[in-house]
Amino acid sequence: MTEAVETDAGPARITWHRAKRPRLVLAVSHGAGGGIEARDLKALAAVLPAHRVSVALVEQPWRVAGRKLAPAPKTLDTGWRGVWPALAAPGLPVVSGGRSAGARVACRTARELGAHAVLALSFPLHPPGKPEKSRADELLGAGVPTLVVQGGNDPFGRPQEFPQAPGGTYDLIEVPYGDHGFAVPKRAEIGQERALELITDGVLKWTGSLG
């Protein structure tokens, strides 16, 4: 089911993949370079509803409007705030999530919106080749249980580059050989299907651990 939502940044769109007896809503948005057709988002939407997690794939207003470039972070946050009432409408705990730029939005707004937890897919820890421009503060400042799923070869931040998580601030799952889109090369020891299974299995286990 697709739902149009008006926000202060323009119309957004939610594509619902509903569980029969949901206990959680996982809301995930796309990054700055793609939409909800990303392989990891599609995999989560296909698998999690059978495990009592409804998945809401959120298209930010700039994507709905057909623009090719994402706006400033402040505008992305405005769009996310605008869709939140629709995400919370089922009356269930909402896990705020996203990939890349969407992960940053989820981290920045989690505490304010009352998110149950944060799922950060391919968190862009820094621009490629510029580790000094770290965005770790956004991740560490989420203020709720957080899971990072990161490709082993992600140029925006490899797993070993992430800071120590003080007090268990976040957990991290590595997808070996994966790039920023979790694509794995043909020479890798795991195939693309297995890489996606690592994501869905890890997220399922984590959502099951949330109170």
N, C-alpha and C. Protein backbone atom coordinates (compact mmCIF):
# COMPACT_ATOMS: atom_id res chain seq x y z
N MET A 1 0.83 -1.19 0.00
CA MET A 1 0.00 0.00 0.00
C MET A 1 0.88 1.25 0.00
N THR A 2 0.53 2.20 -0.84
CA THR A 2 1.29 3.44 -0.93
C THR A 2 0.46 4.58 -0.35
N GLU A 3 1.12 5.40 0.47
CA GLU A 3 0.45 6.50 1.15
C GLU A 3 1.20 7.80 0.89
N ALA A 4 0.47 8.81 0.41
CA ALA A 4 1.07 10.13 0.21
C ALA A 4 0.93 10.93 1.51
N VAL A 5 2.00 11.63 1.87
CA VAL A 5 2.02 12.40 3.12
C VAL A 5 2.53 13.80 2.83
N GLU A 6 1.78 14.80 3.25
CA GLU A 6 2.23 16.18 3.09
C GLU A 6 3.21 16.55 4.21
N THR A 7 4.32 17.15 3.84
CA THR A 7 5.29 17.64 4.83
C THR A 7 5.65 19.08 4.50
N ASP A 8 6.34 19.74 5.42
CA ASP A 8 6.77 21.11 5.18
C ASP A 8 7.84 21.20 4.10
N ALA A 9 8.38 20.06 3.68
CA ALA A 9 9.37 20.02 2.59
C ALA A 9 8.73 19.58 1.27
N GLY A 10 7.42 19.37 1.28
CA GLY A 10 6.71 18.89 0.10
C GLY A 10 6.13 17.51 0.32
N PRO A 11 5.41 16.96 -0.66
CA PRO A 11 4.78 15.64 -0.50
C PRO A 11 5.83 14.52 -0.44
N ALA A 12 5.69 13.66 0.55
CA ALA A 12 6.50 12.45 0.66
C ALA A 12 5.62 11.25 0.35
N ARG A 13 6.23 10.06 0.29
CA ARG A 13 5.45 8.87 -0.03
C ARG A 13 5.96 7.70 0.80
N ILE A 14 5.01 6.95 1.36
CA ILE A 14 5.33 5.76 2.15
C ILE A 14 4.77 4.54 1.42
N THR A 15 5.62 3.55 1.20
CA THR A 15 5.16 2.27 0.66
C THR A 15 5.20 1.26 1.80
N TRP A 16 4.01 0.79 2.19
CA TRP A 16 3.89 -0.10 3.34
C TRP A 16 4.00 -1.56 2.93
N HIS A 17 4.76 -2.31 3.68
CA HIS A 17 4.81 -3.77 3.58
C HIS A 17 4.42 -4.27 4.98
N ARG A 18 3.14 -4.55 5.14
CA ARG A 18 2.59 -4.76 6.48
C ARG A 18 2.67 -6.22 6.92
N ALA A 19 2.99 -6.40 8.19
CA ALA A 19 2.92 -7.72 8.82
C ALA A 19 1.48 -7.99 9.25
N LYS A 20 1.13 -9.27 9.40
CA LYS A 20 -0.24 -9.62 9.80
C LYS A 20 -0.51 -9.23 11.25
N ARG A 21 0.41 -9.51 12.13
CA ARG A 21 0.25 -9.15 13.54
C ARG A 21 1.53 -8.41 13.99
N PRO A 22 1.69 -7.20 13.52
CA PRO A 22 2.96 -6.50 13.76
C PRO A 22 3.18 -6.12 15.22
N ARG A 23 4.44 -6.17 15.61
CA ARG A 23 4.82 -5.69 16.93
C ARG A 23 5.72 -4.46 16.84
N LEU A 24 6.24 -4.21 15.63
CA LEU A 24 7.11 -3.06 15.39
C LEU A 24 6.84 -2.52 13.99
N VAL A 25 7.16 -1.25 13.81
CA VAL A 25 7.26 -0.66 12.47
C VAL A 25 8.72 -0.30 12.23
N LEU A 26 9.28 -0.78 11.13
CA LEU A 26 10.62 -0.36 10.71
C LEU A 26 10.44 0.61 9.55
N ALA A 27 10.76 1.86 9.77
CA ALA A 27 10.65 2.89 8.74
C ALA A 27 12.04 3.19 8.21
N VAL A 28 12.24 3.01 6.91
CA VAL A 28 13.56 3.23 6.33
C VAL A 28 13.46 4.11 5.09
N SER A 29 14.38 5.05 4.99
CA SER A 29 14.44 5.94 3.84
C SER A 29 15.71 5.67 3.05
N HIS A 30 15.75 6.22 1.87
CA HIS A 30 16.84 5.99 0.92
C HIS A 30 17.98 6.99 1.15
N GLY A 31 19.01 6.87 0.34
CA GLY A 31 20.14 7.78 0.41
C GLY A 31 20.00 8.94 -0.56
N ALA A 32 21.11 9.67 -0.73
CA ALA A 32 21.09 10.85 -1.60
C ALA A 32 21.25 10.49 -3.07
N GLY A 33 21.63 9.25 -3.36
CA GLY A 33 21.90 8.88 -4.75
C GLY A 33 20.97 7.83 -5.31
N GLY A 34 19.90 7.51 -4.60
CA GLY A 34 18.99 6.47 -5.07
C GLY A 34 17.69 6.49 -4.32
N GLY A 35 16.83 5.51 -4.60
CA GLY A 35 15.51 5.47 -3.99
C GLY A 35 15.28 4.20 -3.21
N ILE A 36 14.00 3.89 -3.02
CA ILE A 36 13.63 2.74 -2.19
C ILE A 36 13.82 1.41 -2.93
N GLU A 37 14.31 1.49 -4.17
CA GLU A 37 14.61 0.26 -4.90
C GLU A 37 15.98 -0.30 -4.54
N ALA A 38 16.69 0.33 -3.61
CA ALA A 38 18.00 -0.16 -3.17
C ALA A 38 17.88 -1.61 -2.69
N ARG A 39 18.90 -2.41 -2.98
CA ARG A 39 18.82 -3.86 -2.73
C ARG A 39 18.59 -4.18 -1.26
N ASP A 40 19.20 -3.43 -0.35
CA ASP A 40 19.02 -3.73 1.07
C ASP A 40 17.61 -3.38 1.54
N LEU A 41 17.06 -2.28 1.06
CA LEU A 41 15.71 -1.89 1.45
C LEU A 41 14.69 -2.89 0.93
N LYS A 42 14.87 -3.32 -0.32
CA LYS A 42 13.96 -4.31 -0.89
C LYS A 42 14.03 -5.63 -0.13
N ALA A 43 15.23 -6.03 0.27
CA ALA A 43 15.40 -7.29 1.00
C ALA A 43 14.70 -7.24 2.35
N LEU A 44 14.85 -6.13 3.06
CA LEU A 44 14.19 -6.00 4.36
C LEU A 44 12.68 -6.02 4.21
N ALA A 45 12.16 -5.33 3.19
CA ALA A 45 10.72 -5.29 2.97
C ALA A 45 10.16 -6.66 2.60
N ALA A 46 10.99 -7.49 1.96
CA ALA A 46 10.54 -8.82 1.56
C ALA A 46 10.54 -9.81 2.71
N VAL A 47 11.45 -9.64 3.67
CA VAL A 47 11.66 -10.66 4.70
C VAL A 47 10.98 -10.33 6.02
N LEU A 48 11.08 -9.09 6.49
CA LEU A 48 10.68 -8.80 7.86
C LEU A 48 9.19 -8.92 8.16
N PRO A 49 8.29 -8.60 7.23
CA PRO A 49 6.86 -8.70 7.58
C PRO A 49 6.43 -10.09 8.03
N ALA A 50 7.08 -11.13 7.54
CA ALA A 50 6.75 -12.49 7.99
C ALA A 50 7.16 -12.73 9.44
N HIS A 51 7.92 -11.81 10.00
CA HIS A 51 8.40 -11.93 11.37
C HIS A 51 7.82 -10.82 12.26
N ARG A 52 6.64 -10.38 11.92
CA ARG A 52 5.86 -9.43 12.72
C ARG A 52 6.47 -8.03 12.77
N VAL A 53 7.21 -7.68 11.74
CA VAL A 53 7.75 -6.31 11.62
C VAL A 53 7.22 -5.71 10.33
N SER A 54 6.35 -4.70 10.45
CA SER A 54 5.89 -3.98 9.27
C SER A 54 7.01 -3.07 8.79
N VAL A 55 7.22 -3.02 7.48
CA VAL A 55 8.28 -2.19 6.91
C VAL A 55 7.64 -1.06 6.11
N ALA A 56 8.06 0.15 6.41
CA ALA A 56 7.59 1.34 5.70
C ALA A 56 8.76 1.93 4.94
N LEU A 57 8.71 1.87 3.61
CA LEU A 57 9.77 2.46 2.79
C LEU A 57 9.37 3.89 2.46
N VAL A 58 10.19 4.83 2.89
CA VAL A 58 9.84 6.24 2.80
C VAL A 58 10.64 6.93 1.70
N GLU A 59 9.92 7.57 0.80
CA GLU A 59 10.54 8.39 -0.24
C GLU A 59 10.46 9.85 0.16
N GLN A 60 11.63 10.46 0.30
CA GLN A 60 11.70 11.86 0.69
C GLN A 60 11.08 12.75 -0.40
N PRO A 61 10.58 13.94 0.00
CA PRO A 61 9.92 14.83 -0.97
C PRO A 61 10.72 15.12 -2.22
N TRP A 62 12.03 15.24 -2.10
CA TRP A 62 12.83 15.57 -3.29
C TRP A 62 12.79 14.45 -4.32
N ARG A 63 12.69 13.20 -3.84
CA ARG A 63 12.59 12.06 -4.76
C ARG A 63 11.20 12.01 -5.39
N VAL A 64 10.18 12.26 -4.58
CA VAL A 64 8.81 12.25 -5.09
C VAL A 64 8.65 13.32 -6.17
N ALA A 65 9.34 14.45 -5.99
CA ALA A 65 9.25 15.56 -6.95
C ALA A 65 10.08 15.31 -8.21
N GLY A 66 10.85 14.22 -8.22
CA GLY A 66 11.64 13.89 -9.40
C GLY A 66 12.96 14.60 -9.51
N ARG A 67 13.40 15.23 -8.41
CA ARG A 67 14.70 15.91 -8.45
C ARG A 67 15.82 14.90 -8.30
N LYS A 68 16.98 15.21 -8.87
CA LYS A 68 18.10 14.28 -8.88
C LYS A 68 19.09 14.52 -7.75
N LEU A 69 19.06 15.70 -7.17
CA LEU A 69 20.00 16.04 -6.10
C LEU A 69 19.26 16.22 -4.79
N ALA A 70 19.78 15.61 -3.74
CA ALA A 70 19.18 15.74 -2.42
C ALA A 70 19.39 17.16 -1.88
N PRO A 71 18.44 17.67 -1.11
CA PRO A 71 18.61 19.00 -0.51
C PRO A 71 19.52 18.94 0.72
N ALA A 72 19.63 20.05 1.40
CA ALA A 72 20.47 20.15 2.59
C ALA A 72 19.94 19.25 3.71
N PRO A 73 20.83 18.81 4.62
CA PRO A 73 20.38 17.95 5.72
C PRO A 73 19.19 18.50 6.50
N LYS A 74 19.15 19.80 6.71
CA LYS A 74 18.04 20.40 7.45
C LYS A 74 16.70 20.12 6.77
N THR A 75 16.69 20.19 5.43
CA THR A 75 15.46 19.93 4.68
C THR A 75 15.11 18.45 4.72
N LEU A 76 16.11 17.57 4.67
CA LEU A 76 15.86 16.14 4.81
C LEU A 76 15.22 15.84 6.17
N ASP A 77 15.72 16.47 7.22
CA ASP A 77 15.15 16.27 8.55
C ASP A 77 13.71 16.75 8.60
N THR A 78 13.42 17.86 7.93
CA THR A 78 12.05 18.39 7.89
C THR A 78 11.11 17.39 7.23
N GLY A 79 11.55 16.80 6.13
CA GLY A 79 10.72 15.80 5.46
C GLY A 79 10.45 14.60 6.35
N TRP A 80 11.48 14.14 7.07
CA TRP A 80 11.33 12.98 7.95
C TRP A 80 10.38 13.27 9.11
N ARG A 81 10.52 14.46 9.69
CA ARG A 81 9.59 14.85 10.74
C ARG A 81 8.14 14.83 10.23
N GLY A 82 7.97 15.26 8.99
CA GLY A 82 6.62 15.35 8.43
C GLY A 82 5.95 14.01 8.23
N VAL A 83 6.73 12.95 7.95
CA VAL A 83 6.12 11.64 7.75
C VAL A 83 5.95 10.87 9.06
N TRP A 84 6.58 11.33 10.11
CA TRP A 84 6.58 10.57 11.36
C TRP A 84 5.18 10.28 11.91
N PRO A 85 4.24 11.24 11.93
CA PRO A 85 2.91 10.92 12.44
C PRO A 85 2.25 9.75 11.70
N ALA A 86 2.47 9.65 10.39
CA ALA A 86 1.89 8.54 9.63
C ALA A 86 2.57 7.23 10.00
N LEU A 87 3.87 7.27 10.28
CA LEU A 87 4.59 6.07 10.67
C LEU A 87 4.16 5.59 12.06
N ALA A 88 3.85 6.53 12.94
CA ALA A 88 3.45 6.20 14.30
C ALA A 88 1.96 5.90 14.42
N ALA A 89 1.19 6.16 13.37
CA ALA A 89 -0.27 6.01 13.42
C ALA A 89 -0.74 4.62 13.82
N PRO A 90 -0.05 3.53 13.41
CA PRO A 90 -0.50 2.20 13.85
C PRO A 90 -0.42 1.98 15.36
N GLY A 91 0.23 2.89 16.09
CA GLY A 91 0.31 2.77 17.54
C GLY A 91 1.37 1.79 18.02
N LEU A 92 2.34 1.49 17.17
CA LEU A 92 3.40 0.55 17.50
C LEU A 92 4.73 1.30 17.68
N PRO A 93 5.70 0.70 18.39
CA PRO A 93 7.03 1.29 18.44
C PRO A 93 7.59 1.41 17.02
N VAL A 94 8.24 2.54 16.74
CA VAL A 94 8.79 2.78 15.40
C VAL A 94 10.31 2.80 15.47
N VAL A 95 10.93 1.92 14.69
CA VAL A 95 12.38 1.95 14.52
C VAL A 95 12.66 2.88 13.34
N SER A 96 13.42 3.92 13.61
CA SER A 96 13.74 4.91 12.59
C SER A 96 15.00 4.47 11.86
N GLY A 97 14.92 4.38 10.53
CA GLY A 97 16.07 3.88 9.80
C GLY A 97 16.25 4.54 8.45
N GLY A 98 17.36 4.20 7.85
CA GLY A 98 17.64 4.71 6.52
C GLY A 98 18.99 4.20 6.05
N ARG A 99 19.26 4.42 4.77
CA ARG A 99 20.57 4.07 4.24
C ARG A 99 21.29 5.36 3.87
N SER A 100 22.58 5.40 4.17
CA SER A 100 23.45 6.53 3.83
C SER A 100 22.90 7.84 4.39
N ALA A 101 22.55 8.79 3.54
CA ALA A 101 22.02 10.07 4.04
C ALA A 101 20.78 9.85 4.89
N GLY A 102 19.98 8.84 4.54
CA GLY A 102 18.80 8.52 5.34
C GLY A 102 19.15 8.03 6.73
N ALA A 103 20.29 7.35 6.87
CA ALA A 103 20.75 6.91 8.18
C ALA A 103 21.14 8.11 9.04
N ARG A 104 21.75 9.10 8.43
CA ARG A 104 22.10 10.31 9.17
C ARG A 104 20.85 11.02 9.67
N VAL A 105 19.84 11.10 8.83
CA VAL A 105 18.57 11.73 9.23
C VAL A 105 17.99 10.99 10.44
N ALA A 106 17.96 9.66 10.37
CA ALA A 106 17.40 8.86 11.46
C ALA A 106 18.14 9.12 12.77
N CYS A 107 19.47 9.20 12.70
CA CYS A 107 20.26 9.46 13.90
C CYS A 107 20.00 10.85 14.47
N ARG A 108 19.94 11.84 13.58
CA ARG A 108 19.79 13.23 14.04
C ARG A 108 18.44 13.49 14.70
N THR A 109 17.42 12.77 14.28
CA THR A 109 16.06 13.08 14.74
C THR A 109 15.49 12.05 15.71
N ALA A 110 16.21 11.00 16.01
CA ALA A 110 15.66 9.87 16.78
C ALA A 110 15.11 10.29 18.14
N ARG A 111 15.91 11.00 18.89
CA ARG A 111 15.51 11.35 20.25
C ARG A 111 14.31 12.31 20.22
N GLU A 112 14.38 13.28 19.33
CA GLU A 112 13.31 14.27 19.20
C GLU A 112 11.96 13.63 18.86
N LEU A 113 11.98 12.64 17.95
CA LEU A 113 10.74 12.04 17.47
C LEU A 113 10.25 10.89 18.33
N GLY A 114 11.07 10.46 19.28
CA GLY A 114 10.67 9.35 20.13
C GLY A 114 10.83 8.00 19.46
N ALA A 115 11.84 7.88 18.60
CA ALA A 115 12.10 6.60 17.93
C ALA A 115 12.44 5.52 18.96
N HIS A 116 11.98 4.30 18.70
CA HIS A 116 12.26 3.18 19.58
C HIS A 116 13.72 2.76 19.46
N ALA A 117 14.27 2.89 18.28
CA ALA A 117 15.65 2.51 17.98
C ALA A 117 16.00 3.09 16.61
N VAL A 118 17.26 2.92 16.20
CA VAL A 118 17.72 3.40 14.90
C VAL A 118 18.44 2.28 14.15
N LEU A 119 18.09 2.14 12.87
CA LEU A 119 18.81 1.23 11.98
C LEU A 119 19.55 2.08 10.96
N ALA A 120 20.88 2.02 10.99
CA ALA A 120 21.72 2.82 10.10
C ALA A 120 22.40 1.90 9.09
N LEU A 121 21.89 1.91 7.87
CA LEU A 121 22.44 1.10 6.79
C LEU A 121 23.46 1.93 6.01
N SER A 122 24.67 1.42 5.87
CA SER A 122 25.72 2.13 5.14
C SER A 122 25.87 3.56 5.66
N PHE A 123 26.07 3.69 6.97
CA PHE A 123 26.23 5.03 7.56
C PHE A 123 27.46 5.70 6.94
N PRO A 124 27.28 6.90 6.37
CA PRO A 124 28.42 7.58 5.73
C PRO A 124 29.29 8.29 6.78
N LEU A 125 30.19 7.54 7.37
CA LEU A 125 31.00 8.06 8.47
C LEU A 125 31.81 9.28 8.05
N HIS A 126 32.22 9.30 6.79
CA HIS A 126 32.97 10.43 6.25
C HIS A 126 32.87 10.40 4.73
N PRO A 127 33.10 11.53 4.05
CA PRO A 127 33.16 11.49 2.58
C PRO A 127 34.32 10.61 2.14
N PRO A 128 34.20 9.95 0.99
CA PRO A 128 35.29 9.08 0.53
C PRO A 128 36.63 9.81 0.47
N GLY A 129 37.63 9.20 1.07
CA GLY A 129 38.97 9.77 1.07
C GLY A 129 39.19 10.92 2.03
N LYS A 130 38.20 11.23 2.87
CA LYS A 130 38.31 12.36 3.80
C LYS A 130 37.92 11.93 5.21
N PRO A 131 38.69 11.02 5.80
CA PRO A 131 38.33 10.52 7.13
C PRO A 131 38.34 11.60 8.20
N GLU A 132 39.02 12.70 7.93
CA GLU A 132 39.06 13.78 8.93
C GLU A 132 37.71 14.48 9.07
N LYS A 133 36.84 14.32 8.08
CA LYS A 133 35.51 14.95 8.13
C LYS A 133 34.50 13.94 8.67
N SER A 134 34.70 13.57 9.92
CA SER A 134 33.90 12.51 10.53
C SER A 134 32.50 12.99 10.92
N ARG A 135 31.54 12.08 10.75
CA ARG A 135 30.15 12.34 11.18
C ARG A 135 29.79 11.44 12.36
N ALA A 136 30.81 10.98 13.07
CA ALA A 136 30.58 10.06 14.18
C ALA A 136 29.67 10.66 15.25
N ASP A 137 29.73 11.97 15.43
CA ASP A 137 28.91 12.60 16.46
C ASP A 137 27.42 12.36 16.21
N GLU A 138 27.01 12.34 14.93
CA GLU A 138 25.60 12.08 14.63
C GLU A 138 25.22 10.67 15.08
N LEU A 139 26.07 9.71 14.77
CA LEU A 139 25.80 8.33 15.14
C LEU A 139 25.78 8.16 16.65
N LEU A 140 26.79 8.68 17.31
CA LEU A 140 26.90 8.52 18.76
C LEU A 140 25.84 9.31 19.50
N GLY A 141 25.25 10.30 18.84
CA GLY A 141 24.26 11.14 19.49
C GLY A 141 22.82 10.71 19.29
N ALA A 142 22.61 9.55 18.66
CA ALA A 142 21.24 9.12 18.38
C ALA A 142 20.41 8.99 19.65
N GLY A 143 21.02 8.49 20.73
CA GLY A 143 20.34 8.46 22.02
C GLY A 143 19.38 7.29 22.22
N VAL A 144 19.33 6.37 21.27
CA VAL A 144 18.48 5.18 21.38
C VAL A 144 19.29 3.98 20.89
N PRO A 145 18.85 2.75 21.17
CA PRO A 145 19.58 1.58 20.64
C PRO A 145 19.75 1.70 19.13
N THR A 146 20.97 1.47 18.67
CA THR A 146 21.29 1.69 17.26
C THR A 146 22.06 0.50 16.69
N LEU A 147 21.66 0.11 15.49
CA LEU A 147 22.39 -0.93 14.76
C LEU A 147 22.93 -0.33 13.48
N VAL A 148 24.24 -0.47 13.26
CA VAL A 148 24.89 -0.07 12.01
C VAL A 148 25.15 -1.34 11.20
N VAL A 149 24.76 -1.31 9.93
CA VAL A 149 25.09 -2.40 9.01
C VAL A 149 25.98 -1.79 7.94
N GLN A 150 27.22 -2.26 7.86
CA GLN A 150 28.23 -1.60 7.03
C GLN A 150 28.98 -2.58 6.14
N GLY A 151 29.15 -2.20 4.88
CA GLY A 151 29.94 -3.02 3.97
C GLY A 151 31.41 -2.98 4.33
N GLY A 152 32.08 -4.12 4.19
CA GLY A 152 33.50 -4.20 4.54
C GLY A 152 34.38 -3.32 3.68
N ASN A 153 33.92 -2.98 2.47
CA ASN A 153 34.70 -2.12 1.57
C ASN A 153 33.99 -0.81 1.27
N ASP A 154 33.21 -0.32 2.21
CA ASP A 154 32.47 0.93 2.01
C ASP A 154 33.43 2.11 2.05
N PRO A 155 33.58 2.87 0.94
CA PRO A 155 34.51 4.00 0.95
C PRO A 155 34.06 5.15 1.84
N PHE A 156 32.80 5.13 2.27
CA PHE A 156 32.30 6.16 3.18
C PHE A 156 32.58 5.80 4.65
N GLY A 157 33.30 4.72 4.86
CA GLY A 157 33.63 4.30 6.21
C GLY A 157 33.61 2.80 6.33
N ARG A 158 34.77 2.18 6.44
CA ARG A 158 34.85 0.74 6.64
C ARG A 158 34.60 0.43 8.12
N PRO A 159 34.14 -0.77 8.41
CA PRO A 159 33.79 -1.08 9.81
C PRO A 159 34.89 -0.77 10.82
N GLN A 160 36.15 -1.03 10.46
CA GLN A 160 37.24 -0.80 11.42
C GLN A 160 37.49 0.68 11.68
N GLU A 161 36.94 1.55 10.85
CA GLU A 161 37.11 2.99 11.05
C GLU A 161 36.13 3.56 12.07
N PHE A 162 35.10 2.81 12.41
CA PHE A 162 34.09 3.34 13.32
C PHE A 162 34.65 3.44 14.73
N PRO A 163 34.25 4.48 15.46
CA PRO A 163 34.78 4.66 16.82
C PRO A 163 34.25 3.59 17.77
N GLN A 164 34.97 3.40 18.85
CA GLN A 164 34.48 2.53 19.91
C GLN A 164 33.12 3.06 20.38
N ALA A 165 32.22 2.14 20.67
CA ALA A 165 30.89 2.53 21.10
C ALA A 165 30.86 2.64 22.62
N PRO A 166 30.95 3.86 23.16
CA PRO A 166 30.96 4.00 24.62
C PRO A 166 29.64 3.54 25.24
N GLY A 167 29.76 2.66 26.23
CA GLY A 167 28.55 2.20 26.91
C GLY A 167 27.59 1.45 26.02
N GLY A 168 28.12 0.82 24.97
CA GLY A 168 27.23 0.08 24.07
C GLY A 168 26.30 0.98 23.28
N THR A 169 26.81 2.15 22.85
CA THR A 169 26.00 3.13 22.13
C THR A 169 25.37 2.52 20.89
N TYR A 170 26.10 1.66 20.20
CA TYR A 170 25.56 1.03 19.00
C TYR A 170 26.23 -0.32 18.78
N ASP A 171 25.56 -1.14 17.98
CA ASP A 171 26.12 -2.41 17.52
C ASP A 171 26.43 -2.27 16.04
N LEU A 172 27.36 -3.09 15.54
CA LEU A 172 27.74 -3.02 14.14
C LEU A 172 27.83 -4.41 13.53
N ILE A 173 27.19 -4.57 12.39
CA ILE A 173 27.28 -5.80 11.60
C ILE A 173 28.05 -5.49 10.33
N GLU A 174 29.06 -6.28 10.04
CA GLU A 174 29.84 -6.10 8.81
C GLU A 174 29.33 -7.05 7.73
N VAL A 175 29.16 -6.51 6.53
CA VAL A 175 28.85 -7.33 5.36
C VAL A 175 30.15 -7.46 4.58
N PRO A 176 30.84 -8.59 4.67
CA PRO A 176 32.16 -8.73 4.05
C PRO A 176 32.12 -8.39 2.56
N TYR A 177 33.13 -7.66 2.13
CA TYR A 177 33.34 -7.29 0.71
C TYR A 177 32.33 -6.26 0.19
N GLY A 178 31.31 -5.94 0.96
CA GLY A 178 30.26 -5.06 0.46
C GLY A 178 30.73 -3.63 0.27
N ASP A 179 30.23 -2.98 -0.79
CA ASP A 179 30.51 -1.56 -0.99
C ASP A 179 29.40 -0.73 -0.34
N HIS A 180 29.27 0.53 -0.73
CA HIS A 180 28.30 1.41 -0.09
C HIS A 180 26.86 0.97 -0.37
N GLY A 181 26.66 0.25 -1.46
CA GLY A 181 25.34 -0.28 -1.79
C GLY A 181 25.21 -1.76 -1.46
N PHE A 182 26.17 -2.31 -0.71
CA PHE A 182 26.24 -3.72 -0.33
C PHE A 182 26.41 -4.65 -1.53
N ALA A 183 26.88 -4.12 -2.64
CA ALA A 183 27.25 -4.98 -3.76
C ALA A 183 28.57 -5.66 -3.42
N VAL A 184 28.67 -6.95 -3.76
CA VAL A 184 29.92 -7.68 -3.53
C VAL A 184 30.50 -8.09 -4.89
N PRO A 185 31.82 -8.03 -5.03
CA PRO A 185 32.43 -8.40 -6.31
C PRO A 185 32.32 -9.89 -6.56
N LYS A 186 32.40 -10.28 -7.82
CA LYS A 186 32.27 -11.70 -8.18
C LYS A 186 33.36 -12.56 -7.57
N ARG A 187 34.51 -11.97 -7.31
CA ARG A 187 35.62 -12.74 -6.75
C ARG A 187 35.47 -12.95 -5.24
N ALA A 188 34.47 -12.33 -4.63
CA ALA A 188 34.30 -12.42 -3.18
C ALA A 188 33.96 -13.84 -2.74
N GLU A 189 34.25 -14.14 -1.49
CA GLU A 189 34.00 -15.47 -0.95
C GLU A 189 32.53 -15.68 -0.64
N ILE A 190 31.75 -14.62 -0.64
CA ILE A 190 30.30 -14.77 -0.48
C ILE A 190 29.62 -14.16 -1.70
N GLY A 191 28.45 -14.69 -2.05
CA GLY A 191 27.70 -14.15 -3.18
C GLY A 191 26.77 -13.04 -2.75
N GLN A 192 26.12 -12.41 -3.72
CA GLN A 192 25.22 -11.29 -3.43
C GLN A 192 24.03 -11.73 -2.56
N GLU A 193 23.51 -12.90 -2.84
CA GLU A 193 22.37 -13.39 -2.05
C GLU A 193 22.75 -13.58 -0.59
N ARG A 194 23.94 -14.13 -0.36
CA ARG A 194 24.38 -14.33 1.03
C ARG A 194 24.62 -12.99 1.72
N ALA A 195 25.14 -12.02 0.99
CA ALA A 195 25.35 -10.69 1.57
C ALA A 195 24.04 -10.10 2.06
N LEU A 196 22.98 -10.25 1.27
CA LEU A 196 21.68 -9.72 1.68
C LEU A 196 21.11 -10.52 2.85
N GLU A 197 21.39 -11.82 2.89
CA GLU A 197 20.94 -12.63 4.03
C GLU A 197 21.60 -12.17 5.32
N LEU A 198 22.87 -11.79 5.24
CA LEU A 198 23.55 -11.29 6.44
C LEU A 198 22.85 -10.04 6.96
N ILE A 199 22.38 -9.20 6.04
CA ILE A 199 21.67 -7.98 6.45
C ILE A 199 20.34 -8.34 7.09
N THR A 200 19.51 -9.12 6.38
CA THR A 200 18.17 -9.41 6.90
C THR A 200 18.23 -10.25 8.18
N ASP A 201 19.14 -11.22 8.22
CA ASP A 201 19.26 -12.04 9.44
C ASP A 201 19.71 -11.18 10.62
N GLY A 202 20.67 -10.31 10.38
CA GLY A 202 21.17 -9.46 11.45
C GLY A 202 20.12 -8.49 11.96
N VAL A 203 19.37 -7.90 11.05
CA VAL A 203 18.33 -6.95 11.45
C VAL A 203 17.20 -7.69 12.18
N LEU A 204 16.86 -8.88 11.71
CA LEU A 204 15.82 -9.67 12.39
C LEU A 204 16.23 -10.00 13.83
N LYS A 205 17.46 -10.44 14.00
CA LYS A 205 17.93 -10.78 15.34
C LYS A 205 17.91 -9.55 16.23
N TRP A 206 18.33 -8.43 15.68
CA TRP A 206 18.39 -7.18 16.47
C TRP A 206 16.99 -6.71 16.83
N THR A 207 16.07 -6.69 15.87
CA THR A 207 14.70 -6.25 16.19
C THR A 207 14.06 -7.17 17.22
N GLY A 208 14.42 -8.45 17.16
CA GLY A 208 13.90 -9.38 18.16
C GLY A 208 14.40 -9.11 19.56
N SER A 209 15.56 -8.45 19.65
CA SER A 209 16.14 -8.16 20.97
C SER A 209 15.61 -6.86 21.56
N LEU A 210 14.90 -6.07 20.76
CA LEU A 210 14.40 -4.79 21.25
C LEU A 210 13.18 -5.03 22.14
N GLY A 211 13.15 -4.34 23.27
CA GLY A 211 12.04 -4.52 24.19
C GLY A 211 10.72 -4.01 23.65
